[in-house]
Amino acid sequence: MRRFVAGLIWAGAALLSFATDASAGKLAPKPLYRDPAFDGAADPTIVYDRAEKKWLMFYTNRRANVSGLTAVTWVHGTPIGIAESADGAEWRYRGTVEFPRNIPGTNVETPTYWAPAVLEHAGVYHMFVTIVPGVFTDWNHPRNIVHLTSPDLKKWSYESTLPLVTDKVIDPCVLRLPDGTWRLWYNNERTGKTTFYADSPDLFHWTDKGSAHLPKDRGEAPLAFVWKGHTWLLIDLLGNYGLGAFRSDDALTWERQPDSLLDKPGTGTDDNNGGHHPEVVVSGGRAFLFYFVHPGVPDMKRSSIQVAELKLGADGWLACDRDAPTFIQLLPPP
């Protein structure tokens, strides 16, 4: 009888735990998403489509499964892929972005598009994306960040090429500051891959401000977000060293978190390597970290998108258990 009662208590606790998790959303699969066209999904950015009431993921679509590509040509000629989801847990391929033909640097046979950042403001969608003028076998070619707008996340119009400090800039990230102005962080490849930033009063006119002066700053893909009373900035530390994390009270002066995120391999499918190029969606007070992973040998080119929930540790720094089940429910933003 005691064993029977104990069994009932255990079962009840398990059911309660499941109910708690289920109420927090749907269990996200591992991997969260693989691109069905090129199998090279990377660099995700996520925005809510208010008209269709869906979440859209825009991502670099590396040509991982195309044979005969030499050197780094498979990371060039890349379109921007789109996937859609109603909840953040189940994603379905939607196609690729149709860019306008008047963007400087795209009047070649196969332009390269990298690392979009997409946001909505006052009913207009904005995309900041890196353009490389062609397909190349090395990294020694110009690249610029351009600004596009759209009323519906389908038809895009070219606005400008940002007047940044060099002609080798990648990985834009944009955040609205408390005073209503905007800040863009990007990777300056000519300074050994360090983070620079620019400011704008309206998303259309930008002034480059130079180095962001991040401590221990060498990496790419800066990603800024506000959560738990601080502005946070993540960067991809390259190789398989995960993500560096920084904390600030004014988005100017940064303190480096002692420990990196996603630097230790996970145990889930396609999650057994360092995490790259983050995106964070804050929804319902929770923060979800999206990232991509190269599974490794023999799939050196293939990449998958994963998701894990961020937590705030007792020490005030970010924590992320990539092996814990991630129950996710992305709510429509206000």
C-alpha atoms as a PDB file:
ATOM      1  CA  MET A   1       0.000   0.000   0.000  1.00  0.00           C
ATOM      2  CA  ARG A   2       2.814   2.394   0.870  1.00  0.00           C
ATOM      3  CA  ARG A   3       4.442   1.681  -2.486  1.00  0.00           C
ATOM      4  CA  PHE A   4       1.123   2.231  -4.233  1.00  0.00           C
ATOM      5  CA  VAL A   5       0.583   5.568  -2.497  1.00  0.00           C
ATOM      6  CA  ALA A   6       4.156   6.612  -3.215  1.00  0.00           C
ATOM      7  CA  GLY A   7       3.597   5.726  -6.854  1.00  0.00           C
ATOM      8  CA  LEU A   8       0.463   7.853  -6.961  1.00  0.00           C
ATOM      9  CA  ILE A   9       2.341  10.788  -5.406  1.00  0.00           C
ATOM     10  CA  TRP A  10       5.138  10.449  -7.975  1.00  0.00           C
ATOM     11  CA  ALA A  11       2.654  10.219 -10.845  1.00  0.00           C
ATOM     12  CA  GLY A  12       0.774  13.240  -9.571  1.00  0.00           C
ATOM     13  CA  ALA A  13       3.983  15.244  -9.308  1.00  0.00           C
ATOM     14  CA  ALA A  14       4.966  14.231 -12.824  1.00  0.00           C
ATOM     15  CA  LEU A  15       1.552  15.246 -14.170  1.00  0.00           C
ATOM     16  CA  LEU A  16       1.769  18.561 -12.329  1.00  0.00           C
ATOM     17  CA  SER A  17       5.220  19.188 -13.799  1.00  0.00           C
ATOM     18  CA  PHE A  18       3.971  18.339 -17.285  1.00  0.00           C
ATOM     19  CA  ALA A  19       0.976  20.639 -16.868  1.00  0.00           C
ATOM     20  CA  THR A  20       3.246  23.455 -15.739  1.00  0.00           C
ATOM     21  CA  ASP A  21       5.524  22.960 -18.744  1.00  0.00           C
ATOM     22  CA  ALA A  22       2.602  22.604 -21.134  1.00  0.00           C
ATOM     23  CA  SER A  23       1.060  25.847 -19.879  1.00  0.00           C
ATOM     24  CA  ALA A  24       4.372  27.539 -20.695  1.00  0.00           C
ATOM     25  CA  GLY A  25       4.049  26.542 -24.329  1.00  0.00           C
ATOM     26  CA  LYS A  26       4.777  23.737 -26.754  1.00  0.00           C
ATOM     27  CA  LEU A  27       7.889  21.584 -26.563  1.00  0.00           C
ATOM     28  CA  ALA A  28      10.329  22.797 -29.221  1.00  0.00           C
ATOM     29  CA  PRO A  29      11.985  20.041 -31.281  1.00  0.00           C
ATOM     30  CA  LYS A  30      15.724  19.598 -31.747  1.00  0.00           C
ATOM     31  CA  PRO A  31      16.676  20.846 -34.178  1.00  0.00           C
ATOM     32  CA  LEU A  32      14.063  23.581 -34.248  1.00  0.00           C
ATOM     33  CA  TYR A  33      14.386  24.096 -37.994  1.00  0.00           C
ATOM     34  CA  ARG A  34      16.278  22.870 -41.061  1.00  0.00           C
ATOM     35  CA  ASP A  35      16.036  24.569 -44.414  1.00  0.00           C
ATOM     36  CA  PRO A  36      14.568  22.185 -47.036  1.00  0.00           C
ATOM     37  CA  ALA A  37      16.206  23.934 -50.017  1.00  0.00           C
ATOM     38  CA  PHE A  38      19.914  24.271 -49.147  1.00  0.00           C
ATOM     39  CA  ASP A  39      20.071  22.827 -45.605  1.00  0.00           C
ATOM     40  CA  GLY A  40      22.186  25.760 -44.473  1.00  0.00           C
ATOM     41  CA  ALA A  41      19.880  27.851 -42.270  1.00  0.00           C
ATOM     42  CA  ALA A  42      21.905  30.387 -40.254  1.00  0.00           C
ATOM     43  CA  ASP A  43      21.780  33.914 -38.775  1.00  0.00           C
ATOM     44  CA  PRO A  44      18.084  33.995 -37.769  1.00  0.00           C
ATOM     45  CA  THR A  45      16.046  37.132 -37.084  1.00  0.00           C
ATOM     46  CA  ILE A  46      12.417  36.871 -36.003  1.00  0.00           C
ATOM     47  CA  VAL A  47       9.563  39.361 -36.411  1.00  0.00           C
ATOM     48  CA  TYR A  48       5.794  39.229 -35.913  1.00  0.00           C
ATOM     49  CA  ASP A  49       3.629  39.599 -39.022  1.00  0.00           C
ATOM     50  CA  ARG A  50       0.667  41.553 -37.687  1.00  0.00           C
ATOM     51  CA  ALA A  51      -1.502  41.053 -40.780  1.00  0.00           C
ATOM     52  CA  GLU A  52      -1.122  37.265 -40.912  1.00  0.00           C
ATOM     53  CA  LYS A  53      -0.778  36.846 -37.132  1.00  0.00           C
ATOM     54  CA  LYS A  54       2.316  34.672 -37.575  1.00  0.00           C
ATOM     55  CA  TRP A  55       5.952  34.837 -36.590  1.00  0.00           C
ATOM     56  CA  LEU A  56       8.401  34.976 -39.482  1.00  0.00           C
ATOM     57  CA  MET A  57      12.027  33.881 -39.323  1.00  0.00           C
ATOM     58  CA  PHE A  58      14.331  35.468 -41.894  1.00  0.00           C
ATOM     59  CA  TYR A  59      17.710  33.752 -42.201  1.00  0.00           C
ATOM     60  CA  THR A  60      20.859  33.399 -44.283  1.00  0.00           C
ATOM     61  CA  ASN A  61      20.408  30.351 -46.479  1.00  0.00           C
ATOM     62  CA  ARG A  62      23.899  28.956 -47.046  1.00  0.00           C
ATOM     63  CA  ARG A  63      24.226  26.594 -49.989  1.00  0.00           C
ATOM     64  CA  ALA A  64      25.366  23.662 -47.870  1.00  0.00           C
ATOM     65  CA  ASN A  65      24.063  20.849 -50.088  1.00  0.00           C
ATOM     66  CA  VAL A  66      25.133  22.225 -53.491  1.00  0.00           C
ATOM     67  CA  SER A  67      27.895  20.112 -54.998  1.00  0.00           C
ATOM     68  CA  GLY A  68      30.895  21.451 -56.886  1.00  0.00           C
ATOM     69  CA  LEU A  69      31.268  24.709 -54.948  1.00  0.00           C
ATOM     70  CA  THR A  70      34.895  25.520 -54.192  1.00  0.00           C
ATOM     71  CA  ALA A  71      36.476  27.289 -51.212  1.00  0.00           C
ATOM     72  CA  VAL A  72      33.905  29.569 -49.539  1.00  0.00           C
ATOM     73  CA  THR A  73      31.640  30.017 -52.546  1.00  0.00           C
ATOM     74  CA  TRP A  74      28.947  28.011 -50.725  1.00  0.00           C
ATOM     75  CA  VAL A  75      28.704  30.843 -48.153  1.00  0.00           C
ATOM     76  CA  HIS A  76      28.227  33.301 -51.042  1.00  0.00           C
ATOM     77  CA  GLY A  77      25.345  33.491 -53.476  1.00  0.00           C
ATOM     78  CA  THR A  78      23.078  32.983 -50.500  1.00  0.00           C
ATOM     79  CA  PRO A  79      19.415  34.032 -50.547  1.00  0.00           C
ATOM     80  CA  ILE A  80      17.487  35.082 -47.449  1.00  0.00           C
ATOM     81  CA  GLY A  81      15.127  32.295 -46.463  1.00  0.00           C
ATOM     82  CA  ILE A  82      11.798  32.682 -44.666  1.00  0.00           C
ATOM     83  CA  ALA A  83      10.041  30.293 -42.285  1.00  0.00           C
ATOM     84  CA  GLU A  84       6.736  30.878 -40.487  1.00  0.00           C
ATOM     85  CA  SER A  85       5.287  29.801 -37.152  1.00  0.00           C
ATOM     86  CA  ALA A  86       2.168  30.418 -35.104  1.00  0.00           C
ATOM     87  CA  ASP A  87       3.833  29.735 -31.753  1.00  0.00           C
ATOM     88  CA  GLY A  88       7.645  29.686 -32.107  1.00  0.00           C
ATOM     89  CA  ALA A  89       7.832  25.910 -31.702  1.00  0.00           C
ATOM     90  CA  GLU A  90       6.781  24.604 -35.113  1.00  0.00           C
ATOM     91  CA  TRP A  91       8.313  26.248 -38.180  1.00  0.00           C
ATOM     92  CA  ARG A  92       7.438  25.782 -41.841  1.00  0.00           C
ATOM     93  CA  TYR A  93       9.458  26.845 -44.881  1.00  0.00           C
ATOM     94  CA  ARG A  94       7.857  29.748 -46.733  1.00  0.00           C
ATOM     95  CA  GLY A  95      10.318  30.657 -49.474  1.00  0.00           C
ATOM     96  CA  THR A  96      12.892  33.399 -49.995  1.00  0.00           C
ATOM     97  CA  VAL A  97      12.899  37.186 -49.980  1.00  0.00           C
ATOM     98  CA  GLU A  98      12.309  38.912 -53.318  1.00  0.00           C
ATOM     99  CA  PHE A  99      14.651  41.876 -53.189  1.00  0.00           C
ATOM    100  CA  PRO A 100      14.255  44.957 -55.415  1.00  0.00           C
ATOM    101  CA  ARG A 101      16.640  45.208 -58.353  1.00  0.00           C
ATOM    102  CA  ASN A 102      17.928  48.701 -57.600  1.00  0.00           C
ATOM    103  CA  ILE A 103      20.054  47.799 -54.556  1.00  0.00           C
ATOM    104  CA  PRO A 104      23.714  48.744 -55.160  1.00  0.00           C
ATOM    105  CA  GLY A 105      25.872  45.638 -55.281  1.00  0.00           C
ATOM    106  CA  THR A 106      23.128  43.357 -56.585  1.00  0.00           C
ATOM    107  CA  ASN A 107      23.515  44.093 -60.308  1.00  0.00           C
ATOM    108  CA  VAL A 108      25.543  40.900 -60.740  1.00  0.00           C
ATOM    109  CA  GLU A 109      24.532  37.417 -61.773  1.00  0.00           C
ATOM    110  CA  THR A 110      24.350  36.075 -58.212  1.00  0.00           C
ATOM    111  CA  PRO A 111      24.428  38.592 -55.350  1.00  0.00           C
ATOM    112  CA  THR A 112      25.076  37.485 -51.786  1.00  0.00           C
ATOM    113  CA  TYR A 113      22.748  38.335 -48.895  1.00  0.00           C
ATOM    114  CA  TRP A 114      23.829  37.810 -45.298  1.00  0.00           C
ATOM    115  CA  ALA A 115      22.439  38.153 -41.796  1.00  0.00           C
ATOM    116  CA  PRO A 116      19.231  40.201 -41.962  1.00  0.00           C
ATOM    117  CA  ALA A 117      17.848  42.171 -39.025  1.00  0.00           C
ATOM    118  CA  VAL A 118      14.096  42.778 -39.351  1.00  0.00           C
ATOM    119  CA  LEU A 119      11.873  44.906 -37.118  1.00  0.00           C
ATOM    120  CA  GLU A 120       8.527  46.710 -37.177  1.00  0.00           C
ATOM    121  CA  HIS A 121       7.961  50.347 -36.206  1.00  0.00           C
ATOM    122  CA  ALA A 122       4.812  52.444 -36.642  1.00  0.00           C
ATOM    123  CA  GLY A 123       3.293  49.977 -39.097  1.00  0.00           C
ATOM    124  CA  VAL A 124       6.382  49.765 -41.322  1.00  0.00           C
ATOM    125  CA  TYR A 125       8.776  46.831 -41.462  1.00  0.00           C
ATOM    126  CA  HIS A 126      12.490  47.555 -41.747  1.00  0.00           C
ATOM    127  CA  MET A 127      15.232  45.223 -42.895  1.00  0.00           C
ATOM    128  CA  PHE A 128      18.956  45.843 -42.491  1.00  0.00           C
ATOM    129  CA  VAL A 129      20.952  43.262 -44.424  1.00  0.00           C
ATOM    130  CA  THR A 130      24.521  42.748 -45.628  1.00  0.00           C
ATOM    131  CA  ILE A 131      25.098  42.776 -49.394  1.00  0.00           C
ATOM    132  CA  VAL A 132      28.177  41.240 -51.056  1.00  0.00           C
ATOM    133  CA  PRO A 133      28.442  41.980 -54.818  1.00  0.00           C
ATOM    134  CA  GLY A 134      28.812  38.441 -56.125  1.00  0.00           C
ATOM    135  CA  VAL A 135      30.181  34.999 -55.354  1.00  0.00           C
ATOM    136  CA  PHE A 136      33.821  34.775 -54.268  1.00  0.00           C
ATOM    137  CA  THR A 137      36.362  32.151 -53.244  1.00  0.00           C
ATOM    138  CA  ASP A 138      37.735  34.240 -50.354  1.00  0.00           C
ATOM    139  CA  TRP A 139      36.677  36.911 -47.832  1.00  0.00           C
ATOM    140  CA  ASN A 140      38.600  39.822 -49.436  1.00  0.00           C
ATOM    141  CA  HIS A 141      35.732  41.687 -51.037  1.00  0.00           C
ATOM    142  CA  PRO A 142      33.564  44.657 -50.068  1.00  0.00           C
ATOM    143  CA  ARG A 143      30.308  44.249 -48.200  1.00  0.00           C
ATOM    144  CA  ASN A 144      27.827  46.863 -47.078  1.00  0.00           C
ATOM    145  CA  ILE A 145      24.720  47.086 -44.932  1.00  0.00           C
ATOM    146  CA  VAL A 146      21.610  48.336 -46.710  1.00  0.00           C
ATOM    147  CA  HIS A 147      18.235  49.483 -45.395  1.00  0.00           C
ATOM    148  CA  LEU A 148      14.942  48.340 -46.913  1.00  0.00           C
ATOM    149  CA  THR A 149      11.317  48.929 -45.926  1.00  0.00           C
ATOM    150  CA  SER A 150       8.081  47.031 -46.491  1.00  0.00           C
ATOM    151  CA  PRO A 151       4.396  47.469 -45.658  1.00  0.00           C
ATOM    152  CA  ASP A 152       3.763  43.725 -45.478  1.00  0.00           C
ATOM    153  CA  LEU A 153       7.066  41.756 -45.176  1.00  0.00           C
ATOM    154  CA  LYS A 154       6.644  40.711 -48.826  1.00  0.00           C
ATOM    155  CA  LYS A 155       7.358  43.658 -51.126  1.00  0.00           C
ATOM    156  CA  TRP A 156      10.562  45.480 -50.168  1.00  0.00           C
ATOM    157  CA  SER A 157      11.856  48.909 -51.203  1.00  0.00           C
ATOM    158  CA  TYR A 158      15.489  50.020 -51.102  1.00  0.00           C
ATOM    159  CA  GLU A 159      16.055  53.057 -48.864  1.00  0.00           C
ATOM    160  CA  SER A 160      19.809  53.508 -48.513  1.00  0.00           C
ATOM    161  CA  THR A 161      23.245  52.022 -48.047  1.00  0.00           C
ATOM    162  CA  LEU A 162      24.324  52.937 -44.534  1.00  0.00           C
ATOM    163  CA  PRO A 163      27.266  55.393 -44.329  1.00  0.00           C
ATOM    164  CA  LEU A 164      29.378  53.282 -41.996  1.00  0.00           C
ATOM    165  CA  VAL A 165      33.069  53.541 -41.244  1.00  0.00           C
ATOM    166  CA  THR A 166      34.378  51.000 -43.798  1.00  0.00           C
ATOM    167  CA  ASP A 167      33.293  48.977 -46.813  1.00  0.00           C
ATOM    168  CA  LYS A 168      33.634  45.643 -44.984  1.00  0.00           C
ATOM    169  CA  VAL A 169      30.767  45.589 -42.502  1.00  0.00           C
ATOM    170  CA  ILE A 170      28.403  42.735 -41.664  1.00  0.00           C
ATOM    171  CA  ASP A 171      25.791  41.528 -39.153  1.00  0.00           C
ATOM    172  CA  PRO A 172      23.552  44.498 -38.328  1.00  0.00           C
ATOM    173  CA  CYS A 173      21.428  44.593 -35.184  1.00  0.00           C
ATOM    174  CA  VAL A 174      19.042  47.450 -34.309  1.00  0.00           C
ATOM    175  CA  LEU A 175      17.502  48.446 -30.969  1.00  0.00           C
ATOM    176  CA  ARG A 176      15.269  51.340 -29.967  1.00  0.00           C
ATOM    177  CA  LEU A 177      16.678  53.310 -27.046  1.00  0.00           C
ATOM    178  CA  PRO A 178      14.610  54.708 -24.145  1.00  0.00           C
ATOM    179  CA  ASP A 179      14.695  58.231 -25.626  1.00  0.00           C
ATOM    180  CA  GLY A 180      13.045  56.967 -28.837  1.00  0.00           C
ATOM    181  CA  THR A 181      16.175  57.069 -30.986  1.00  0.00           C
ATOM    182  CA  TRP A 182      17.772  53.994 -32.564  1.00  0.00           C
ATOM    183  CA  ARG A 183      21.140  52.305 -32.280  1.00  0.00           C
ATOM    184  CA  LEU A 184      22.684  49.872 -34.769  1.00  0.00           C
ATOM    185  CA  TRP A 185      25.566  47.588 -33.831  1.00  0.00           C
ATOM    186  CA  TYR A 186      27.584  45.848 -36.525  1.00  0.00           C
ATOM    187  CA  ASN A 187      30.783  43.924 -37.089  1.00  0.00           C
ATOM    188  CA  ASN A 188      33.712  45.872 -38.524  1.00  0.00           C
ATOM    189  CA  GLU A 189      35.855  43.297 -40.274  1.00  0.00           C
ATOM    190  CA  ARG A 190      38.691  45.716 -40.984  1.00  0.00           C
ATOM    191  CA  THR A 191      39.413  46.132 -37.262  1.00  0.00           C
ATOM    192  CA  GLY A 192      39.894  42.430 -36.557  1.00  0.00           C
ATOM    193  CA  LYS A 193      36.183  41.677 -36.245  1.00  0.00           C
ATOM    194  CA  THR A 194      35.198  44.088 -33.500  1.00  0.00           C
ATOM    195  CA  THR A 195      31.850  45.692 -32.745  1.00  0.00           C
ATOM    196  CA  PHE A 196      31.056  49.234 -33.927  1.00  0.00           C
ATOM    197  CA  TYR A 197      27.808  51.176 -33.700  1.00  0.00           C
ATOM    198  CA  ALA A 198      25.797  53.951 -35.339  1.00  0.00           C
ATOM    199  CA  ASP A 199      22.881  56.099 -34.124  1.00  0.00           C
ATOM    200  CA  SER A 200      19.739  57.352 -35.836  1.00  0.00           C
ATOM    201  CA  PRO A 201      16.798  59.547 -34.821  1.00  0.00           C
ATOM    202  CA  ASP A 202      14.394  57.841 -37.233  1.00  0.00           C
ATOM    203  CA  LEU A 203      15.871  54.622 -38.751  1.00  0.00           C
ATOM    204  CA  PHE A 204      16.626  56.504 -42.000  1.00  0.00           C
ATOM    205  CA  HIS A 205      19.509  58.832 -41.151  1.00  0.00           C
ATOM    206  CA  TRP A 206      22.562  57.256 -39.511  1.00  0.00           C
ATOM    207  CA  THR A 207      25.721  58.609 -37.917  1.00  0.00           C
ATOM    208  CA  ASP A 208      28.604  56.215 -37.320  1.00  0.00           C
ATOM    209  CA  LYS A 209      29.925  56.485 -33.758  1.00  0.00           C
ATOM    210  CA  GLY A 210      32.926  54.166 -34.010  1.00  0.00           C
ATOM    211  CA  SER A 211      33.907  51.371 -31.660  1.00  0.00           C
ATOM    212  CA  ALA A 212      31.433  50.072 -29.094  1.00  0.00           C
ATOM    213  CA  HIS A 213      34.401  49.427 -26.776  1.00  0.00           C
ATOM    214  CA  LEU A 214      33.254  46.006 -25.663  1.00  0.00           C
ATOM    215  CA  PRO A 215      35.727  44.397 -23.236  1.00  0.00           C
ATOM    216  CA  LYS A 216      37.387  41.299 -24.728  1.00  0.00           C
ATOM    217  CA  ASP A 217      35.731  42.145 -28.021  1.00  0.00           C
ATOM    218  CA  ARG A 218      36.516  39.906 -30.937  1.00  0.00           C
ATOM    219  CA  GLY A 219      33.649  38.189 -32.640  1.00  0.00           C
ATOM    220  CA  GLU A 220      30.733  38.914 -34.915  1.00  0.00           C
ATOM    221  CA  ALA A 221      26.934  39.003 -35.032  1.00  0.00           C
ATOM    222  CA  PRO A 222      26.227  41.484 -32.209  1.00  0.00           C
ATOM    223  CA  LEU A 223      22.687  41.123 -30.862  1.00  0.00           C
ATOM    224  CA  ALA A 224      21.204  43.635 -28.406  1.00  0.00           C
ATOM    225  CA  PHE A 225      18.007  43.238 -26.382  1.00  0.00           C
ATOM    226  CA  VAL A 226      16.429  44.591 -23.203  1.00  0.00           C
ATOM    227  CA  TRP A 227      15.439  42.184 -20.432  1.00  0.00           C
ATOM    228  CA  LYS A 228      15.277  42.130 -16.636  1.00  0.00           C
ATOM    229  CA  GLY A 229      16.232  45.784 -16.244  1.00  0.00           C
ATOM    230  CA  HIS A 230      19.378  45.726 -18.379  1.00  0.00           C
ATOM    231  CA  THR A 231      20.456  46.071 -21.983  1.00  0.00           C
ATOM    232  CA  TRP A 232      22.274  42.915 -23.059  1.00  0.00           C
ATOM    233  CA  LEU A 233      24.589  42.357 -25.998  1.00  0.00           C
ATOM    234  CA  LEU A 234      25.622  38.931 -27.295  1.00  0.00           C
ATOM    235  CA  ILE A 235      28.362  38.273 -29.836  1.00  0.00           C
ATOM    236  CA  ASP A 236      29.415  35.131 -31.690  1.00  0.00           C
ATOM    237  CA  LEU A 237      32.929  34.304 -30.485  1.00  0.00           C
ATOM    238  CA  LEU A 238      33.712  32.421 -33.734  1.00  0.00           C
ATOM    239  CA  GLY A 239      35.139  28.925 -33.891  1.00  0.00           C
ATOM    240  CA  ASN A 240      33.054  26.845 -31.507  1.00  0.00           C
ATOM    241  CA  TYR A 241      33.460  29.036 -28.439  1.00  0.00           C
ATOM    242  CA  GLY A 242      29.805  29.988 -28.109  1.00  0.00           C
ATOM    243  CA  LEU A 243      28.487  33.447 -27.316  1.00  0.00           C
ATOM    244  CA  GLY A 244      30.045  36.238 -25.307  1.00  0.00           C
ATOM    245  CA  ALA A 245      27.551  38.195 -23.170  1.00  0.00           C
ATOM    246  CA  PHE A 246      27.732  41.827 -22.058  1.00  0.00           C
ATOM    247  CA  ARG A 247      25.518  43.865 -19.731  1.00  0.00           C
ATOM    248  CA  SER A 248      24.883  47.630 -19.671  1.00  0.00           C
ATOM    249  CA  ASP A 249      22.638  50.218 -18.018  1.00  0.00           C
ATOM    250  CA  ASP A 250      23.009  52.787 -20.804  1.00  0.00           C
ATOM    251  CA  ALA A 251      23.820  50.739 -23.954  1.00  0.00           C
ATOM    252  CA  LEU A 252      27.234  52.422 -24.051  1.00  0.00           C
ATOM    253  CA  THR A 253      29.330  51.110 -21.156  1.00  0.00           C
ATOM    254  CA  TRP A 254      29.540  47.325 -21.076  1.00  0.00           C
ATOM    255  CA  GLU A 255      30.552  44.693 -18.541  1.00  0.00           C
ATOM    256  CA  ARG A 256      31.601  41.265 -19.787  1.00  0.00           C
ATOM    257  CA  GLN A 257      29.853  38.247 -18.306  1.00  0.00           C
ATOM    258  CA  PRO A 258      32.471  35.866 -16.825  1.00  0.00           C
ATOM    259  CA  ASP A 259      31.070  32.772 -18.563  1.00  0.00           C
ATOM    260  CA  SER A 260      30.133  32.328 -22.199  1.00  0.00           C
ATOM    261  CA  LEU A 261      26.848  30.860 -23.404  1.00  0.00           C
ATOM    262  CA  LEU A 262      26.487  27.798 -25.652  1.00  0.00           C
ATOM    263  CA  ASP A 263      30.218  27.115 -25.585  1.00  0.00           C
ATOM    264  CA  LYS A 264      29.780  23.520 -24.396  1.00  0.00           C
ATOM    265  CA  PRO A 265      28.252  21.056 -26.888  1.00  0.00           C
ATOM    266  CA  GLY A 266      24.683  19.982 -26.305  1.00  0.00           C
ATOM    267  CA  THR A 267      23.327  16.452 -26.422  1.00  0.00           C
ATOM    268  CA  GLY A 268      20.288  17.061 -28.641  1.00  0.00           C
ATOM    269  CA  THR A 269      20.120  16.291 -32.333  1.00  0.00           C
ATOM    270  CA  ASP A 270      22.243  18.748 -34.359  1.00  0.00           C
ATOM    271  CA  ASP A 271      23.127  20.627 -31.153  1.00  0.00           C
ATOM    272  CA  ASN A 272      26.549  19.060 -30.579  1.00  0.00           C
ATOM    273  CA  ASN A 273      28.715  22.089 -31.323  1.00  0.00           C
ATOM    274  CA  GLY A 274      29.140  25.734 -30.350  1.00  0.00           C
ATOM    275  CA  GLY A 275      26.168  28.065 -30.799  1.00  0.00           C
ATOM    276  CA  HIS A 276      26.423  30.822 -33.433  1.00  0.00           C
ATOM    277  CA  HIS A 277      24.805  34.117 -34.440  1.00  0.00           C
ATOM    278  CA  PRO A 278      22.107  34.669 -31.813  1.00  0.00           C
ATOM    279  CA  GLU A 279      18.609  36.091 -31.921  1.00  0.00           C
ATOM    280  CA  VAL A 280      16.581  36.739 -28.765  1.00  0.00           C
ATOM    281  CA  VAL A 281      12.810  37.149 -28.626  1.00  0.00           C
ATOM    282  CA  VAL A 282      11.409  38.484 -25.353  1.00  0.00           C
ATOM    283  CA  SER A 283       7.784  37.393 -25.000  1.00  0.00           C
ATOM    284  CA  GLY A 284       5.572  37.319 -21.936  1.00  0.00           C
ATOM    285  CA  GLY A 285       8.521  38.287 -19.771  1.00  0.00           C
ATOM    286  CA  ARG A 286      10.517  35.255 -20.939  1.00  0.00           C
ATOM    287  CA  ALA A 287      13.550  35.390 -23.226  1.00  0.00           C
ATOM    288  CA  PHE A 288      14.127  32.779 -25.939  1.00  0.00           C
ATOM    289  CA  LEU A 289      17.572  32.424 -27.502  1.00  0.00           C
ATOM    290  CA  PHE A 290      17.666  31.263 -31.131  1.00  0.00           C
ATOM    291  CA  TYR A 291      21.002  30.257 -32.651  1.00  0.00           C
ATOM    292  CA  PHE A 292      22.474  28.042 -35.346  1.00  0.00           C
ATOM    293  CA  VAL A 293      24.814  25.076 -35.064  1.00  0.00           C
ATOM    294  CA  HIS A 294      27.082  23.209 -37.472  1.00  0.00           C
ATOM    295  CA  PRO A 295      26.657  19.547 -36.463  1.00  0.00           C
ATOM    296  CA  GLY A 296      30.272  18.857 -37.452  1.00  0.00           C
ATOM    297  CA  VAL A 297      31.863  15.806 -39.083  1.00  0.00           C
ATOM    298  CA  PRO A 298      30.775  14.726 -41.631  1.00  0.00           C
ATOM    299  CA  ASP A 299      28.301  17.610 -42.009  1.00  0.00           C
ATOM    300  CA  MET A 300      30.824  20.450 -41.958  1.00  0.00           C
ATOM    301  CA  LYS A 301      28.659  22.794 -44.055  1.00  0.00           C
ATOM    302  CA  ARG A 302      25.138  21.916 -42.958  1.00  0.00           C
ATOM    303  CA  SER A 303      23.590  24.020 -40.190  1.00  0.00           C
ATOM    304  CA  SER A 304      20.388  23.952 -38.152  1.00  0.00           C
ATOM    305  CA  ILE A 305      18.477  26.484 -36.061  1.00  0.00           C
ATOM    306  CA  GLN A 306      17.988  25.716 -32.355  1.00  0.00           C
ATOM    307  CA  VAL A 307      16.220  27.445 -29.466  1.00  0.00           C
ATOM    308  CA  ALA A 308      16.735  27.488 -25.690  1.00  0.00           C
ATOM    309  CA  GLU A 309      15.308  29.637 -22.920  1.00  0.00           C
ATOM    310  CA  LEU A 310      17.482  32.205 -21.189  1.00  0.00           C
ATOM    311  CA  LYS A 311      17.379  32.480 -17.413  1.00  0.00           C
ATOM    312  CA  LEU A 312      18.746  35.108 -15.058  1.00  0.00           C
ATOM    313  CA  GLY A 313      21.085  33.511 -12.528  1.00  0.00           C
ATOM    314  CA  ALA A 314      21.357  34.415  -8.863  1.00  0.00           C
ATOM    315  CA  ASP A 315      24.580  36.253  -9.749  1.00  0.00           C
ATOM    316  CA  GLY A 316      22.697  38.565 -12.111  1.00  0.00           C
ATOM    317  CA  TRP A 317      24.174  37.057 -15.281  1.00  0.00           C
ATOM    318  CA  LEU A 318      22.546  35.130 -18.114  1.00  0.00           C
ATOM    319  CA  ALA A 319      22.295  31.349 -18.002  1.00  0.00           C
ATOM    320  CA  CYS A 320      21.168  28.917 -20.672  1.00  0.00           C
ATOM    321  CA  ASP A 321      20.747  25.146 -20.419  1.00  0.00           C
ATOM    322  CA  ARG A 322      20.611  24.025 -24.033  1.00  0.00           C
ATOM    323  CA  ASP A 323      19.856  20.420 -22.976  1.00  0.00           C
ATOM    324  CA  ALA A 324      16.774  21.321 -20.918  1.00  0.00           C
ATOM    325  CA  PRO A 325      13.407  20.869 -22.654  1.00  0.00           C
ATOM    326  CA  THR A 326      12.336  24.219 -24.112  1.00  0.00           C
ATOM    327  CA  PHE A 327       8.631  24.935 -23.895  1.00  0.00           C
ATOM    328  CA  ILE A 328       7.902  27.977 -26.006  1.00  0.00           C
ATOM    329  CA  GLN A 329       4.911  30.161 -26.744  1.00  0.00           C
ATOM    330  CA  LEU A 330       5.620  33.387 -28.599  1.00  0.00           C
ATOM    331  CA  LEU A 331       2.786  35.818 -27.906  1.00  0.00           C
ATOM    332  CA  PRO A 332       1.722  38.610 -30.260  1.00  0.00           C
ATOM    333  CA  PRO A 333       3.662  41.740 -29.267  1.00  0.00           C
ATOM    334  CA  PRO A 334       1.716  44.772 -28.042  1.00  0.00           C
END
